[in-house]
Every structure is written in structure tokens, then in C-alpha cells.
Amino acid sequence: MQKNIGNTDRAIRLVLGLIIVILGIVYQSWWGLAGLVPLLTALLAYCPLYTIIGVTTCGNPPGTDKPGKTGTRMPKP
């Protein structure tokens, strides 16, 4: 697993995940468990969906030494 989530993306996922989990607890809803997905991806700095569609929000796309554009497709190996 290579990191494919940048710092801004991680912060957004962390905040949204916490909000969803807290709302799930407050309203006693199972939907709060859905907040674990963005929390987990933020903590791991890895999103499987990004890998499938070939996107990274990191500064450096995997396999390159040059900074890439945010949200750009990763180069094919």
C-alpha cells in the first residue's frame, strides 16, 4: 500500500468521519459506522478507490521524484 492521500484530503476525511460517527452515536443510528471508512482511510493515508481509478492527492505521484498536480492520475508502472 503506497500513500495516495495528501494532507488536506486526510484532514477532510478525518473531520467528516468524526462528524458522521458522532452523529451516529447521538442519533443512535447504525449509519454512524459509515464514518469509520473515511476515518480509516485518513489514518492509513491510503484509499483503495483512488488506486482503482488511478488518482493521488499526494504531492508526489508514486514512482516519480517530481511533485505532481493534486488529483492527477498516477503514472502506469
PDB file of N, CA and C in Angstrom:
ATOM      1  N   MET A   1       0.837  -1.185   0.000  1.00  0.00           N
ATOM      2  CA  MET A   1       0.000   0.000   0.000  1.00  0.00           C
ATOM      3  C   MET A   1       0.884   1.251   0.000  1.00  0.00           C
ATOM      4  N   GLN A   2       0.818   1.984  -1.080  1.00  0.00           N
ATOM      5  CA  GLN A   2       1.525   3.249  -1.144  1.00  0.00           C
ATOM      6  C   GLN A   2       0.577   4.374  -0.785  1.00  0.00           C
ATOM      7  N   LYS A   3       1.090   5.365  -0.096  1.00  0.00           N
ATOM      8  CA  LYS A   3       0.285   6.518   0.298  1.00  0.00           C
ATOM      9  C   LYS A   3      -0.264   7.201  -0.951  1.00  0.00           C
ATOM     10  N   ASN A   4      -1.574   7.418  -0.993  1.00  0.00           N
ATOM     11  CA  ASN A   4      -2.165   8.119  -2.126  1.00  0.00           C
ATOM     12  C   ASN A   4      -3.150   9.204  -1.679  1.00  0.00           C
ATOM     13  N   ILE A   5      -3.114   9.550  -0.391  1.00  0.00           N
ATOM     14  CA  ILE A   5      -3.971  10.602   0.148  1.00  0.00           C
ATOM     15  C   ILE A   5      -3.078  11.684   0.746  1.00  0.00           C
ATOM     16  N   GLY A   6      -3.246  12.910   0.268  1.00  0.00           N
ATOM     17  CA  GLY A   6      -2.461  14.035   0.761  1.00  0.00           C
ATOM     18  C   GLY A   6      -2.977  14.551   2.093  1.00  0.00           C
ATOM     19  N   ASN A   7      -2.270  15.521   2.653  1.00  0.00           N
ATOM     20  CA  ASN A   7      -2.603  16.041   3.986  1.00  0.00           C
ATOM     21  C   ASN A   7      -3.964  16.722   4.048  1.00  0.00           C
ATOM     22  N   THR A   8      -4.304  17.517   3.043  1.00  0.00           N
ATOM     23  CA  THR A   8      -5.609  18.187   3.035  1.00  0.00           C
ATOM     24  C   THR A   8      -6.729  17.175   2.939  1.00  0.00           C
ATOM     25  N   ASP A   9      -6.575  16.199   2.061  1.00  0.00           N
ATOM     26  CA  ASP A   9      -7.559  15.130   1.892  1.00  0.00           C
ATOM     27  C   ASP A   9      -7.721  14.358   3.201  1.00  0.00           C
ATOM     28  N   ARG A  10      -6.615  14.081   3.872  1.00  0.00           N
ATOM     29  CA  ARG A  10      -6.655  13.350   5.149  1.00  0.00           C
ATOM     30  C   ARG A  10      -7.418  14.134   6.206  1.00  0.00           C
ATOM     31  N   ALA A  11      -7.158  15.442   6.278  1.00  0.00           N
ATOM     32  CA  ALA A  11      -7.822  16.280   7.280  1.00  0.00           C
ATOM     33  C   ALA A  11      -9.334  16.324   7.041  1.00  0.00           C
ATOM     34  N   ILE A  12      -9.727  16.456   5.781  1.00  0.00           N
ATOM     35  CA  ILE A  12     -11.155  16.487   5.441  1.00  0.00           C
ATOM     36  C   ILE A  12     -11.810  15.163   5.802  1.00  0.00           C
ATOM     37  N   ARG A  13     -11.164  14.046   5.450  1.00  0.00           N
ATOM     38  CA  ARG A  13     -11.709  12.725   5.767  1.00  0.00           C
ATOM     39  C   ARG A  13     -11.817  12.521   7.278  1.00  0.00           C
ATOM     40  N   LEU A  14     -10.811  12.989   8.011  1.00  0.00           N
ATOM     41  CA  LEU A  14     -10.809  12.837   9.462  1.00  0.00           C
ATOM     42  C   LEU A  14     -11.973  13.604  10.091  1.00  0.00           C
ATOM     43  N   VAL A  15     -12.150  14.848   9.686  1.00  0.00           N
ATOM     44  CA  VAL A  15     -13.231  15.678  10.239  1.00  0.00           C
ATOM     45  C   VAL A  15     -14.602  15.103   9.871  1.00  0.00           C
ATOM     46  N   LEU A  16     -14.799  14.777   8.591  1.00  0.00           N
ATOM     47  CA  LEU A  16     -16.093  14.227   8.171  1.00  0.00           C
ATOM     48  C   LEU A  16     -16.377  12.883   8.843  1.00  0.00           C
ATOM     49  N   GLY A  17     -15.355  12.040   8.955  1.00  0.00           N
ATOM     50  CA  GLY A  17     -15.527  10.748   9.613  1.00  0.00           C
ATOM     51  C   GLY A  17     -15.952  10.910  11.060  1.00  0.00           C
ATOM     52  N   LEU A  18     -15.291  11.829  11.767  1.00  0.00           N
ATOM     53  CA  LEU A  18     -15.649  12.070  13.165  1.00  0.00           C
ATOM     54  C   LEU A  18     -17.075  12.607  13.294  1.00  0.00           C
ATOM     55  N   ILE A  19     -17.442  13.524  12.405  1.00  0.00           N
ATOM     56  CA  ILE A  19     -18.799  14.083  12.442  1.00  0.00           C
ATOM     57  C   ILE A  19     -19.838  12.986  12.218  1.00  0.00           C
ATOM     58  N   ILE A  20     -19.606  12.127  11.242  1.00  0.00           N
ATOM     59  CA  ILE A  20     -20.560  11.050  10.943  1.00  0.00           C
ATOM     60  C   ILE A  20     -20.665  10.080  12.113  1.00  0.00           C
ATOM     61  N   VAL A  21     -19.523   9.718  12.702  1.00  0.00           N
ATOM     62  CA  VAL A  21     -19.537   8.792  13.843  1.00  0.00           C
ATOM     63  C   VAL A  21     -20.275   9.424  15.025  1.00  0.00           C
ATOM     64  N   ILE A  22     -19.983  10.681  15.318  1.00  0.00           N
ATOM     65  CA  ILE A  22     -20.641  11.369  16.438  1.00  0.00           C
ATOM     66  C   ILE A  22     -22.144  11.479  16.208  1.00  0.00           C
ATOM     67  N   LEU A  23     -22.555  11.838  14.991  1.00  0.00           N
ATOM     68  CA  LEU A  23     -23.998  11.907  14.697  1.00  0.00           C
ATOM     69  C   LEU A  23     -24.649  10.535  14.825  1.00  0.00           C
ATOM     70  N   GLY A  24     -23.943   9.497  14.417  1.00  0.00           N
ATOM     71  CA  GLY A  24     -24.471   8.142  14.570  1.00  0.00           C
ATOM     72  C   GLY A  24     -24.682   7.783  16.028  1.00  0.00           C
ATOM     73  N   ILE A  25     -23.756   8.206  16.883  1.00  0.00           N
ATOM     74  CA  ILE A  25     -23.883   7.941  18.317  1.00  0.00           C
ATOM     75  C   ILE A  25     -25.028   8.755  18.906  1.00  0.00           C
ATOM     76  N   VAL A  26     -25.088  10.041  18.565  1.00  0.00           N
ATOM     77  CA  VAL A  26     -26.125  10.930  19.107  1.00  0.00           C
ATOM     78  C   VAL A  26     -27.516  10.449  18.712  1.00  0.00           C
ATOM     79  N   TYR A  27     -27.687  10.078  17.441  1.00  0.00           N
ATOM     80  CA  TYR A  27     -28.997   9.649  16.964  1.00  0.00           C
ATOM     81  C   TYR A  27     -29.197   8.143  17.068  1.00  0.00           C
ATOM     82  N   GLN A  28     -28.249   7.449  17.679  1.00  0.00           N
ATOM     83  CA  GLN A  28     -28.306   6.003  17.866  1.00  0.00           C
ATOM     84  C   GLN A  28     -28.647   5.290  16.560  1.00  0.00           C
ATOM     85  N   SER A  29     -27.849   5.596  15.540  1.00  0.00           N
ATOM     86  CA  SER A  29     -28.063   5.040  14.211  1.00  0.00           C
ATOM     87  C   SER A  29     -26.849   4.233  13.779  1.00  0.00           C
ATOM     88  N   TRP A  30     -27.109   3.167  13.053  1.00  0.00           N
ATOM     89  CA  TRP A  30     -26.038   2.351  12.504  1.00  0.00           C
ATOM     90  C   TRP A  30     -25.281   3.097  11.415  1.00  0.00           C
ATOM     91  N   TRP A  31     -25.855   4.169  10.884  1.00  0.00           N
ATOM     92  CA  TRP A  31     -25.184   4.950   9.851  1.00  0.00           C
ATOM     93  C   TRP A  31     -23.886   5.554  10.376  1.00  0.00           C
ATOM     94  N   GLY A  32     -23.758   5.660  11.679  1.00  0.00           N
ATOM     95  CA  GLY A  32     -22.527   6.169  12.269  1.00  0.00           C
ATOM     96  C   GLY A  32     -21.324   5.303  11.934  1.00  0.00           C
ATOM     97  N   LEU A  33     -21.574   4.023  11.680  1.00  0.00           N
ATOM     98  CA  LEU A  33     -20.481   3.123  11.295  1.00  0.00           C
ATOM     99  C   LEU A  33     -19.880   3.508   9.947  1.00  0.00           C
ATOM    100  N   ALA A  34     -20.658   4.158   9.106  1.00  0.00           N
ATOM    101  CA  ALA A  34     -20.154   4.597   7.805  1.00  0.00           C
ATOM    102  C   ALA A  34     -19.023   5.612   7.978  1.00  0.00           C
ATOM    103  N   GLY A  35     -19.004   6.296   9.101  1.00  0.00           N
ATOM    104  CA  GLY A  35     -17.944   7.251   9.380  1.00  0.00           C
ATOM    105  C   GLY A  35     -16.594   6.599   9.612  1.00  0.00           C
ATOM    106  N   LEU A  36     -16.594   5.293   9.859  1.00  0.00           N
ATOM    107  CA  LEU A  36     -15.333   4.584  10.068  1.00  0.00           C
ATOM    108  C   LEU A  36     -14.526   4.470   8.780  1.00  0.00           C
ATOM    109  N   VAL A  37     -15.190   4.479   7.640  1.00  0.00           N
ATOM    110  CA  VAL A  37     -14.485   4.364   6.355  1.00  0.00           C
ATOM    111  C   VAL A  37     -13.580   5.576   6.117  1.00  0.00           C
ATOM    112  N   PRO A  38     -14.096   6.815   6.170  1.00  0.00           N
ATOM    113  CA  PRO A  38     -13.181   7.943   5.980  1.00  0.00           C
ATOM    114  C   PRO A  38     -12.141   8.053   7.100  1.00  0.00           C
ATOM    115  N   LEU A  39     -12.507   7.658   8.319  1.00  0.00           N
ATOM    116  CA  LEU A  39     -11.535   7.687   9.408  1.00  0.00           C
ATOM    117  C   LEU A  39     -10.386   6.720   9.137  1.00  0.00           C
ATOM    118  N   LEU A  40     -10.711   5.518   8.723  1.00  0.00           N
ATOM    119  CA  LEU A  40      -9.688   4.502   8.457  1.00  0.00           C
ATOM    120  C   LEU A  40      -8.795   4.904   7.285  1.00  0.00           C
ATOM    121  N   THR A  41      -9.402   5.398   6.221  1.00  0.00           N
ATOM    122  CA  THR A  41      -8.588   5.813   5.071  1.00  0.00           C
ATOM    123  C   THR A  41      -7.705   7.012   5.423  1.00  0.00           C
ATOM    124  N   ALA A  42      -8.191   7.897   6.289  1.00  0.00           N
ATOM    125  CA  ALA A  42      -7.375   9.036   6.720  1.00  0.00           C
ATOM    126  C   ALA A  42      -6.196   8.568   7.567  1.00  0.00           C
ATOM    127  N   LEU A  43      -6.435   7.632   8.458  1.00  0.00           N
ATOM    128  CA  LEU A  43      -5.362   7.142   9.325  1.00  0.00           C
ATOM    129  C   LEU A  43      -4.310   6.363   8.538  1.00  0.00           C
ATOM    130  N   LEU A  44      -4.740   5.626   7.521  1.00  0.00           N
ATOM    131  CA  LEU A  44      -3.808   4.837   6.717  1.00  0.00           C
ATOM    132  C   LEU A  44      -3.172   5.649   5.586  1.00  0.00           C
ATOM    133  N   ALA A  45      -3.761   6.808   5.257  1.00  0.00           N
ATOM    134  CA  ALA A  45      -3.325   7.640   4.123  1.00  0.00           C
ATOM    135  C   ALA A  45      -3.387   6.851   2.825  1.00  0.00           C
ATOM    136  N   TYR A  46      -4.337   5.955   2.731  1.00  0.00           N
ATOM    137  CA  TYR A  46      -4.489   5.094   1.561  1.00  0.00           C
ATOM    138  C   TYR A  46      -5.970   4.892   1.273  1.00  0.00           C
ATOM    139  N   CYS A  47      -6.345   5.092   0.009  1.00  0.00           N
ATOM    140  CA  CYS A  47      -7.725   4.875  -0.415  1.00  0.00           C
ATOM    141  C   CYS A  47      -7.730   3.863  -1.558  1.00  0.00           C
ATOM    142  N   PRO A  48      -8.334   2.688  -1.352  1.00  0.00           N
ATOM    143  CA  PRO A  48      -8.371   1.691  -2.414  1.00  0.00           C
ATOM    144  C   PRO A  48      -9.062   2.185  -3.683  1.00  0.00           C
ATOM    145  N   LEU A  49     -10.090   3.005  -3.548  1.00  0.00           N
ATOM    146  CA  LEU A  49     -10.791   3.531  -4.718  1.00  0.00           C
ATOM    147  C   LEU A  49      -9.860   4.420  -5.548  1.00  0.00           C
ATOM    148  N   TYR A  50      -9.052   5.225  -4.891  1.00  0.00           N
ATOM    149  CA  TYR A  50      -8.087   6.055  -5.612  1.00  0.00           C
ATOM    150  C   TYR A  50      -7.131   5.190  -6.428  1.00  0.00           C
ATOM    151  N   THR A  51      -6.730   4.058  -5.870  1.00  0.00           N
ATOM    152  CA  THR A  51      -5.836   3.146  -6.586  1.00  0.00           C
ATOM    153  C   THR A  51      -6.518   2.596  -7.831  1.00  0.00           C
ATOM    154  N   ILE A  52      -7.779   2.222  -7.704  1.00  0.00           N
ATOM    155  CA  ILE A  52      -8.526   1.645  -8.825  1.00  0.00           C
ATOM    156  C   ILE A  52      -8.673   2.650  -9.962  1.00  0.00           C
ATOM    157  N   ILE A  53      -9.003   3.905  -9.614  1.00  0.00           N
ATOM    158  CA  ILE A  53      -9.208   4.907 -10.670  1.00  0.00           C
ATOM    159  C   ILE A  53      -7.922   5.649 -11.021  1.00  0.00           C
ATOM    160  N   GLY A  54      -6.825   5.345 -10.321  1.00  0.00           N
ATOM    161  CA  GLY A  54      -5.525   5.903 -10.658  1.00  0.00           C
ATOM    162  C   GLY A  54      -5.328   7.354 -10.272  1.00  0.00           C
ATOM    163  N   VAL A  55      -5.846   7.748  -9.114  1.00  0.00           N
ATOM    164  CA  VAL A  55      -5.741   9.134  -8.659  1.00  0.00           C
ATOM    165  C   VAL A  55      -4.925   9.184  -7.371  1.00  0.00           C
ATOM    166  N   THR A  56      -4.177  10.262  -7.207  1.00  0.00           N
ATOM    167  CA  THR A  56      -3.471  10.510  -5.952  1.00  0.00           C
ATOM    168  C   THR A  56      -3.644  11.974  -5.576  1.00  0.00           C
ATOM    169  N   THR A  57      -3.753  12.244  -4.294  1.00  0.00           N
ATOM    170  CA  THR A  57      -3.815  13.628  -3.833  1.00  0.00           C
ATOM    171  C   THR A  57      -2.557  13.976  -3.053  1.00  0.00           C
ATOM    172  N   CYS A  58      -1.553  13.115  -3.153  1.00  0.00           N
ATOM    173  CA  CYS A  58      -0.244  13.382  -2.540  1.00  0.00           C
ATOM    174  C   CYS A  58       0.512  14.390  -3.390  1.00  0.00           C
ATOM    175  N   GLY A  59       1.564  14.929  -2.824  1.00  0.00           N
ATOM    176  CA  GLY A  59       2.406  15.854  -3.576  1.00  0.00           C
ATOM    177  C   GLY A  59       3.185  15.136  -4.668  1.00  0.00           C
ATOM    178  N   ASN A  60       3.645  13.918  -4.403  1.00  0.00           N
ATOM    179  CA  ASN A  60       4.444  13.169  -5.362  1.00  0.00           C
ATOM    180  C   ASN A  60       3.704  11.911  -5.792  1.00  0.00           C
ATOM    181  N   PRO A  61       3.382  11.783  -7.073  1.00  0.00           N
ATOM    182  CA  PRO A  61       2.780  10.544  -7.537  1.00  0.00           C
ATOM    183  C   PRO A  61       3.755   9.386  -7.341  1.00  0.00           C
ATOM    184  N   PRO A  62       3.266   8.208  -6.968  1.00  0.00           N
ATOM    185  CA  PRO A  62       4.146   7.066  -6.752  1.00  0.00           C
ATOM    186  C   PRO A  62       4.988   6.765  -7.991  1.00  0.00           C
ATOM    187  N   GLY A  63       6.248   6.441  -7.768  1.00  0.00           N
ATOM    188  CA  GLY A  63       7.128   6.076  -8.862  1.00  0.00           C
ATOM    189  C   GLY A  63       7.805   7.262  -9.529  1.00  0.00           C
ATOM    190  N   THR A  64       7.596   8.488  -8.992  1.00  0.00           N
ATOM    191  CA  THR A  64       8.242   9.658  -9.583  1.00  0.00           C
ATOM    192  C   THR A  64       8.954  10.441  -8.495  1.00  0.00           C
ATOM    193  N   ASP A  65       9.918  11.245  -8.900  1.00  0.00           N
ATOM    194  CA  ASP A  65      10.625  12.107  -7.961  1.00  0.00           C
ATOM    195  C   ASP A  65      10.118  13.544  -8.024  1.00  0.00           C
ATOM    196  N   LYS A  66       9.271  13.825  -9.012  1.00  0.00           N
ATOM    197  CA  LYS A  66       8.795  15.186  -9.216  1.00  0.00           C
ATOM    198  C   LYS A  66       7.426  15.368  -8.571  1.00  0.00           C
ATOM    199  N   PRO A  67       7.189  16.540  -7.973  1.00  0.00           N
ATOM    200  CA  PRO A  67       5.850  16.800  -7.431  1.00  0.00           C
ATOM    201  C   PRO A  67       4.816  16.783  -8.550  1.00  0.00           C
ATOM    202  N   GLY A  68       3.671  16.204  -8.284  1.00  0.00           N
ATOM    203  CA  GLY A  68       2.605  16.150  -9.277  1.00  0.00           C
ATOM    204  C   GLY A  68       1.493  17.108  -8.927  1.00  0.00           C
ATOM    205  N   LYS A  69       0.541  17.234  -9.802  1.00  0.00           N
ATOM    206  CA  LYS A  69      -0.621  18.074  -9.546  1.00  0.00           C
ATOM    207  C   LYS A  69      -1.579  17.308  -8.649  1.00  0.00           C
ATOM    208  N   THR A  70      -2.227  18.010  -7.752  1.00  0.00           N
ATOM    209  CA  THR A  70      -3.190  17.379  -6.852  1.00  0.00           C
ATOM    210  C   THR A  70      -4.355  16.844  -7.681  1.00  0.00           C
ATOM    211  N   GLY A  71      -4.724  15.612  -7.421  1.00  0.00           N
ATOM    212  CA  GLY A  71      -5.845  14.988  -8.111  1.00  0.00           C
ATOM    213  C   GLY A  71      -5.507  14.459  -9.477  1.00  0.00           C
ATOM    214  N   THR A  72      -4.240  14.335  -9.808  1.00  0.00           N
ATOM    215  CA  THR A  72      -3.863  13.837 -11.134  1.00  0.00           C
ATOM    216  C   THR A  72      -3.782  12.323 -11.128  1.00  0.00           C
ATOM    217  N   ARG A  73      -3.847  11.762 -12.315  1.00  0.00           N
ATOM    218  CA  ARG A  73      -3.736  10.318 -12.445  1.00  0.00           C
ATOM    219  C   ARG A  73      -2.311   9.880 -12.206  1.00  0.00           C
ATOM    220  N   MET A  74      -2.162   8.698 -11.603  1.00  0.00           N
ATOM    221  CA  MET A  74      -0.838   8.160 -11.341  1.00  0.00           C
ATOM    222  C   MET A  74      -0.264   7.567 -12.624  1.00  0.00           C
ATOM    223  N   PRO A  75       1.055   7.635 -12.787  1.00  0.00           N
ATOM    224  CA  PRO A  75       1.656   7.026 -13.977  1.00  0.00           C
ATOM    225  C   PRO A  75       1.542   5.517 -13.910  1.00  0.00           C
ATOM    226  N   LYS A  76       1.376   4.900 -15.073  1.00  0.00           N
ATOM    227  CA  LYS A  76       1.276   3.439 -15.126  1.00  0.00           C
ATOM    228  C   LYS A  76       2.669   2.863 -14.941  1.00  0.00           C
ATOM    229  N   PRO A  77       2.762   1.757 -14.168  1.00  0.00           N
ATOM    230  CA  PRO A  77       4.070   1.161 -13.930  1.00  0.00           C
ATOM    231  C   PRO A  77       4.663   0.537 -15.182  1.00  0.00           C
TER     232      PRO A  77
END
